[in-house]
N, C-alpha and C. Protein backbone atom coordinates (compact mmCIF):
# COMPACT_ATOMS: atom_id res chain seq x y z
N UNK A 1 0.86 -1.09 0.05
CA UNK A 1 0.26 0.08 -0.17
C UNK A 1 0.88 1.33 0.08
N UNK A 2 2.12 1.31 0.49
CA UNK A 2 2.89 2.48 1.00
C UNK A 2 3.32 2.77 -0.56
N UNK A 3 3.84 1.55 -1.29
CA UNK A 3 4.41 2.26 -2.44
C UNK A 3 3.22 2.44 -3.60
N UNK A 4 2.16 2.11 -3.47
CA UNK A 4 1.19 2.45 -4.23
C UNK A 4 0.65 3.71 -3.96
N UNK A 5 0.59 4.29 -2.74
CA UNK A 5 0.27 5.61 -2.54
C UNK A 5 1.27 6.67 -2.70
N UNK A 6 2.56 5.99 -2.46
CA UNK A 6 3.60 7.05 -2.86
C UNK A 6 4.12 7.35 -4.19
N UNK A 7 3.74 6.45 -5.27
CA UNK A 7 3.65 6.73 -6.64
C UNK A 7 2.26 7.51 -7.15
N UNK A 8 1.27 7.37 -6.33
CA UNK A 8 0.12 8.48 -6.66
C UNK A 8 0.66 9.72 -6.23
N UNK A 9 1.12 9.72 -5.23
CA UNK A 9 1.59 10.79 -4.39
C UNK A 9 2.76 11.62 -5.45
N UNK A 10 3.65 10.95 -5.87
CA UNK A 10 4.67 11.43 -6.95
C UNK A 10 4.19 12.11 -8.15
N UNK A 11 3.10 10.98 -8.79
CA UNK A 11 2.41 11.74 -10.04
C UNK A 11 1.65 13.15 -9.66
N UNK A 12 1.21 13.27 -8.36
CA UNK A 12 0.25 14.61 -8.25
C UNK A 12 1.40 15.74 -8.15
N UNK A 13 2.54 15.50 -7.48
CA UNK A 13 3.64 16.26 -7.29
C UNK A 13 3.98 16.98 -8.96
N UNK A 14 4.11 15.74 -9.64
CA UNK A 14 4.91 16.25 -10.82
C UNK A 14 3.75 17.20 -11.65
N UNK A 15 2.60 16.95 -11.39
CA UNK A 15 1.57 17.47 -11.94
C UNK A 15 1.41 19.15 -11.71
N UNK A 16 1.99 19.42 -10.62
CA UNK A 16 2.18 20.75 -9.93
C UNK A 16 2.63 21.74 -10.71
N UNK A 17 2.05 22.86 -11.00
CA UNK A 17 2.55 23.74 -12.35
C UNK A 17 3.52 24.82 -11.50
N UNK A 18 3.12 25.40 -10.41
CA UNK A 18 3.84 26.16 -9.30
C UNK A 18 5.06 25.80 -8.70
N UNK A 19 6.27 26.64 -9.29
CA UNK A 19 7.66 25.73 -8.32
C UNK A 19 7.39 25.76 -6.80
N UNK A 20 6.85 26.92 -6.29
CA UNK A 20 6.76 27.10 -4.97
C UNK A 20 5.85 25.87 -4.41
N UNK A 21 4.63 25.28 -5.10
CA UNK A 21 3.73 24.33 -4.58
C UNK A 21 4.54 23.22 -4.90
N UNK A 22 5.06 22.99 -5.80
CA UNK A 22 5.97 21.50 -5.94
C UNK A 22 7.11 21.62 -5.08
N UNK A 23 7.77 22.67 -4.52
CA UNK A 23 8.95 22.77 -3.50
C UNK A 23 8.27 22.06 -2.22
N UNK A 24 7.05 22.65 -1.72
CA UNK A 24 6.54 22.20 -0.60
C UNK A 24 5.92 21.07 -0.85
N UNK A 25 5.58 20.72 -1.55
CA UNK A 25 4.87 19.27 -1.93
C UNK A 25 6.04 17.90 -2.00
N UNK A 26 7.23 18.42 -2.29
CA UNK A 26 8.02 17.41 -2.07
C UNK A 26 8.69 17.50 -0.93
N UNK A 27 8.98 18.61 -0.26
CA UNK A 27 9.19 18.24 1.27
C UNK A 27 8.55 17.41 2.26
N UNK A 28 7.31 17.93 1.78
CA UNK A 28 6.11 17.03 2.69
C UNK A 28 6.23 15.51 2.08
N UNK A 29 6.40 15.01 0.93
CA UNK A 29 6.84 13.85 0.32
C UNK A 29 7.82 13.51 0.86
N UNK A 30 9.20 14.16 1.00
CA UNK A 30 10.30 13.67 1.60
C UNK A 30 10.14 13.01 2.94
N UNK A 31 9.37 14.08 4.04
CA UNK A 31 8.90 13.33 5.11
C UNK A 31 8.36 12.02 5.37
N UNK A 32 7.12 12.17 4.66
CA UNK A 32 6.25 11.36 4.56
C UNK A 32 7.10 9.88 4.30
N UNK A 33 8.13 9.71 3.29
CA UNK A 33 8.87 8.51 3.06
C UNK A 33 9.66 8.07 4.55
N UNK A 34 10.46 9.28 5.00
CA UNK A 34 11.11 9.08 6.14
C UNK A 34 10.40 8.78 7.43
N UNK A 35 9.17 8.95 7.07
CA UNK A 35 8.25 8.57 8.11
C UNK A 35 7.69 7.27 7.95
N UNK A 36 7.28 6.95 6.81
CA UNK A 36 7.14 4.98 6.32
C UNK A 36 8.67 4.55 6.93
N UNK A 37 9.58 4.99 6.58
CA UNK A 37 10.80 4.07 6.69
C UNK A 37 10.81 3.86 8.16
N UNK A 38 10.72 4.83 9.19
CA UNK A 38 10.67 4.75 10.43
C UNK A 38 9.83 4.20 11.03
N UNK A 39 8.75 4.11 10.56
CA UNK A 39 7.37 3.29 10.99
C UNK A 39 7.98 1.64 10.78
N UNK A 40 8.55 1.33 9.56
CA UNK A 40 8.85 -0.02 9.39
C UNK A 40 9.74 -0.46 10.39
N UNK A 41 10.81 0.42 10.92
CA UNK A 41 11.72 0.14 11.93
C UNK A 41 11.17 -0.39 13.07
N UNK A 42 10.39 0.89 13.76
CA UNK A 42 9.46 0.62 14.89
C UNK A 42 9.15 -0.39 14.94
N UNK A 43 8.44 -0.98 13.87
CA UNK A 43 7.09 -2.23 13.72
C UNK A 43 8.48 -3.42 13.77
N UNK A 44 9.46 -3.21 13.29
CA UNK A 44 10.37 -4.62 13.42
C UNK A 44 10.87 -5.00 14.86
N UNK A 45 11.48 -3.44 15.48
CA UNK A 45 11.86 -3.27 16.66
C UNK A 45 10.86 -3.84 17.92
N UNK A 46 9.77 -3.53 17.41
CA UNK A 46 8.46 -3.76 18.51
C UNK A 46 8.41 -5.33 18.35
N UNK A 47 8.39 -6.10 17.34
CA UNK A 47 8.33 -7.49 16.95
C UNK A 47 9.44 -8.16 17.52
N UNK A 48 10.73 -7.40 17.79
CA UNK A 48 11.91 -8.10 18.17
C UNK A 48 11.58 -8.29 19.62
N UNK A 49 11.07 -7.15 20.46
CA UNK A 49 11.10 -6.94 21.62
C UNK A 49 10.05 -7.94 22.29
N UNK A 50 9.23 -7.98 21.51
CA UNK A 50 7.84 -9.07 21.66
C UNK A 50 8.46 -10.55 21.68
N UNK A 51 9.69 -11.07 20.80
CA UNK A 51 10.08 -11.91 20.70
C UNK A 51 11.10 -12.28 21.98
N UNK A 52 11.84 -11.23 22.39
CA UNK A 52 12.63 -11.29 23.42
C UNK A 52 11.82 -11.55 25.02
N UNK A 53 10.60 -11.16 25.01
CA UNK A 53 9.63 -11.19 25.93
C UNK A 53 9.22 -12.65 26.14
N UNK A 54 8.91 -13.03 25.07
CA UNK A 54 8.60 -14.42 25.30
C UNK A 54 9.51 -15.37 25.50
N UNK A 55 11.04 -14.94 25.10
CA UNK A 55 12.11 -16.15 25.14
C UNK A 55 12.27 -15.59 26.81
N UNK A 56 12.00 -14.52 27.72
CA UNK A 56 12.22 -14.43 29.22
C UNK A 56 11.22 -15.27 29.96
N UNK A 57 10.02 -15.19 29.37
CA UNK A 57 8.84 -15.86 30.11
C UNK A 57 9.27 -17.26 29.72
N UNK A 58 9.78 -17.64 28.71
CA UNK A 58 10.36 -19.25 28.69
C UNK A 58 11.60 -19.43 29.69
N UNK A 59 12.42 -18.52 29.80
CA UNK A 59 13.50 -18.73 30.93
C UNK A 59 12.72 -18.62 32.60
N UNK A 60 12.08 -17.74 32.41
CA UNK A 60 11.33 -17.75 33.89
C UNK A 60 10.73 -19.14 34.58
N UNK A 61 10.06 -19.75 33.30
CA UNK A 61 9.31 -21.29 33.65
C UNK A 61 10.23 -22.13 33.76
N UNK A 62 11.33 -22.10 33.34
CA UNK A 62 12.42 -23.35 33.33
C UNK A 62 12.90 -23.38 35.09
N UNK A 63 12.79 -24.49 35.40
CA UNK A 63 13.03 -24.51 37.21
C UNK A 63 14.66 -24.89 37.05
N UNK A 64 15.42 -25.04 35.80
CA UNK A 64 16.34 -25.21 35.96
C UNK A 64 17.42 -23.73 35.36
N UNK A 65 16.65 -22.89 35.17
CA UNK A 65 17.51 -21.57 34.71
C UNK A 65 18.26 -20.92 36.01
N UNK A 66 19.26 -20.59 35.67
CA UNK A 66 20.25 -19.62 36.33
C UNK A 66 20.00 -18.41 36.52
N UNK A 67 20.41 -17.69 37.42
CA UNK A 67 20.67 -16.23 37.48
C UNK A 67 21.37 -15.50 36.24
N UNK A 68 22.26 -16.13 35.78
CA UNK A 68 23.13 -15.54 34.81
C UNK A 68 22.40 -15.79 33.45
N UNK A 69 21.67 -16.75 33.09
CA UNK A 69 20.56 -16.80 31.97
C UNK A 69 19.33 -15.64 31.99
N UNK A 70 19.10 -16.03 33.28
CA UNK A 70 17.83 -14.63 33.55
C UNK A 70 18.37 -13.23 33.39
N UNK A 71 19.45 -12.99 33.99
CA UNK A 71 20.30 -11.66 33.64
C UNK A 71 20.48 -11.30 32.46
N UNK A 72 20.99 -12.24 31.69
CA UNK A 72 21.17 -12.46 30.03
C UNK A 72 20.22 -11.80 29.35
N UNK A 73 19.08 -12.52 29.75
CA UNK A 73 17.49 -12.52 28.98
C UNK A 73 16.93 -10.97 29.17
N UNK A 74 16.76 -10.63 30.36
CA UNK A 74 16.83 -9.05 30.87
C UNK A 74 17.44 -8.40 30.37
N UNK A 75 18.65 -8.38 29.88
CA UNK A 75 19.58 -7.21 29.19
C UNK A 75 19.32 -7.30 27.53
N UNK A 76 19.01 -8.38 27.05
CA UNK A 76 18.64 -8.83 25.75
C UNK A 76 17.39 -7.85 25.68
N UNK A 77 16.26 -8.18 26.26
CA UNK A 77 15.28 -7.48 26.31
C UNK A 77 15.26 -6.04 26.49
N UNK A 78 15.97 -5.67 27.48
CA UNK A 78 15.98 -4.17 27.76
C UNK A 78 16.66 -3.76 26.58
N UNK A 79 17.56 -4.01 25.56
CA UNK A 79 18.39 -3.42 24.47
C UNK A 79 17.25 -3.65 23.08
N UNK A 80 16.23 -4.14 23.25
CA UNK A 80 15.23 -3.99 22.33
C UNK A 80 14.26 -2.80 22.83
N UNK A 81 13.85 -2.89 24.09
CA UNK A 81 13.08 -1.88 24.30
C UNK A 81 13.83 -0.33 23.99
N UNK A 82 15.06 -0.41 24.00
CA UNK A 82 15.72 1.02 23.84
C UNK A 82 15.48 1.00 22.23
N UNK A 83 15.71 0.00 21.69
CA UNK A 83 15.37 0.45 20.32
C UNK A 83 14.12 0.72 19.86
N UNK A 84 13.14 0.20 20.55
CA UNK A 84 11.63 0.43 20.46
C UNK A 84 11.34 1.99 20.77
N UNK A 85 12.23 2.43 21.97
CA UNK A 85 12.15 3.73 22.37
C UNK A 85 12.78 5.02 21.40
N UNK A 86 13.68 4.47 20.79
CA UNK A 86 14.43 5.51 19.80
C UNK A 86 13.38 5.75 18.36
N UNK A 87 13.25 4.25 17.96
CA UNK A 87 12.51 4.55 17.09
C UNK A 87 11.05 4.97 17.13
N UNK A 88 10.42 5.07 18.00
CA UNK A 88 9.25 5.84 18.46
C UNK A 88 9.30 7.30 18.51
N UNK A 89 10.74 7.65 18.92
CA UNK A 89 10.76 9.15 18.89
C UNK A 89 10.99 9.57 17.88
N UNK A 90 11.70 8.79 17.05
CA UNK A 90 11.93 9.34 15.41
C UNK A 90 10.75 9.37 14.63
N UNK A 91 9.93 8.36 14.82
CA UNK A 91 8.65 8.43 14.31
C UNK A 91 7.73 9.41 14.90
N UNK A 92 7.75 9.73 16.07
CA UNK A 92 6.73 10.82 16.48
C UNK A 92 7.37 12.21 15.90
N UNK A 93 9.03 12.32 15.73
CA UNK A 93 9.26 13.48 15.25
C UNK A 93 9.02 13.70 13.89
N UNK A 94 9.05 12.47 12.98
CA UNK A 94 8.63 12.57 11.53
C UNK A 94 7.09 12.85 11.14
N UNK A 95 6.33 12.38 12.18
CA UNK A 95 5.14 12.66 12.08
C UNK A 95 4.46 13.97 12.28
N UNK A 96 5.29 14.78 13.56
CA UNK A 96 5.16 16.11 13.75
C UNK A 96 5.70 17.10 12.61
N UNK A 97 6.78 16.58 11.84
CA UNK A 97 7.69 17.31 10.54
C UNK A 97 6.48 17.00 9.19
N UNK A 98 5.91 15.93 9.11
CA UNK A 98 5.00 15.83 8.42
C UNK A 98 3.79 16.61 8.22
N UNK A 99 3.06 16.66 9.59
CA UNK A 99 1.88 17.38 9.55
C UNK A 99 2.33 18.97 9.26
N UNK A 100 3.41 19.51 9.84
CA UNK A 100 3.88 20.67 9.69
C UNK A 100 3.96 20.83 8.18
N UNK A 101 4.83 20.22 7.55
CA UNK A 101 4.81 20.39 6.21
C UNK A 101 3.42 20.43 5.31
N UNK A 102 2.61 19.51 5.83
CA UNK A 102 1.20 19.66 5.26
C UNK A 102 0.62 20.68 5.74
N UNK A 103 0.49 21.35 6.67
CA UNK A 103 -0.33 22.28 6.89
C UNK A 103 0.24 23.46 6.30
N UNK A 104 1.58 23.65 6.16
CA UNK A 104 2.48 24.66 5.36
C UNK A 104 1.80 24.77 3.97
N UNK A 105 1.69 23.43 3.28
CA UNK A 105 1.38 23.30 1.91
C UNK A 105 -0.04 23.53 1.75
N UNK A 106 -0.80 23.54 2.96
CA UNK A 106 -2.22 23.99 2.58
C UNK A 106 -2.56 25.11 2.50
N UNK A 107 -1.83 25.73 3.82
CA UNK A 107 -2.02 27.41 4.00
C UNK A 107 -1.66 27.78 3.07
N UNK A 108 -0.62 27.54 2.14
CA UNK A 108 -0.30 28.24 1.15
C UNK A 108 -0.98 28.35 -0.04
N UNK A 109 -2.05 27.69 0.02
CA UNK A 109 -2.59 27.47 -1.15
C UNK A 109 -4.05 27.24 -0.71
N UNK A 110 -4.65 28.08 0.16
CA UNK A 110 -5.60 28.24 0.52
C UNK A 110 -6.66 27.05 0.85
N UNK A 111 -6.17 26.18 1.36
CA UNK A 111 -6.91 24.94 1.61
C UNK A 111 -7.83 25.43 3.17
N UNK A 112 -8.08 26.40 3.63
CA UNK A 112 -8.59 26.50 5.06
C UNK A 112 -9.68 25.46 5.78
N UNK A 113 -10.56 25.20 4.47
CA UNK A 113 -11.53 23.96 4.88
C UNK A 113 -10.82 22.82 5.52
N UNK A 114 -9.89 22.65 4.91
CA UNK A 114 -9.57 21.02 5.09
C UNK A 114 -8.71 21.27 6.48
N UNK A 115 -8.05 22.30 6.61
CA UNK A 115 -7.63 22.51 7.96
C UNK A 115 -8.26 22.50 8.94
N UNK A 116 -9.56 23.32 9.08
CA UNK A 116 -10.46 23.21 9.71
C UNK A 116 -11.15 22.03 10.21
N UNK A 117 -11.17 21.09 9.48
CA UNK A 117 -11.80 20.02 9.56
C UNK A 117 -10.84 18.71 10.27
N UNK A 118 -9.42 19.22 10.22
CA UNK A 118 -8.49 18.28 10.75
C UNK A 118 -8.16 18.87 12.41
N UNK A 119 -8.86 19.54 12.75
CA UNK A 119 -8.75 20.24 14.08
C UNK A 119 -9.57 19.47 15.11
């Protein structure tokens, strides 16, 4: 879906006649692509953390697990949480940047009714 939407968006940008409009739209598009990529990273990190949680629960269920095994698994899980947190911060940053770029484009070209409906 992402690739199909990005192709449609690129086609719309290419159809713009005004250079200023095209520049704002290209900026918005670039941020949108960064946001998509960051979402993919966030999703991957989150899936990794779920897998590490499952491993930790398995270690906890084992009667023969040692403190070293438990500590190793907790440290591995914490590393995946750090990745999730970092990816989430980046995703939020790109979401804000995208919303600002979109708002700038819409304001510049008089789409005030669209902006009002998004509040």
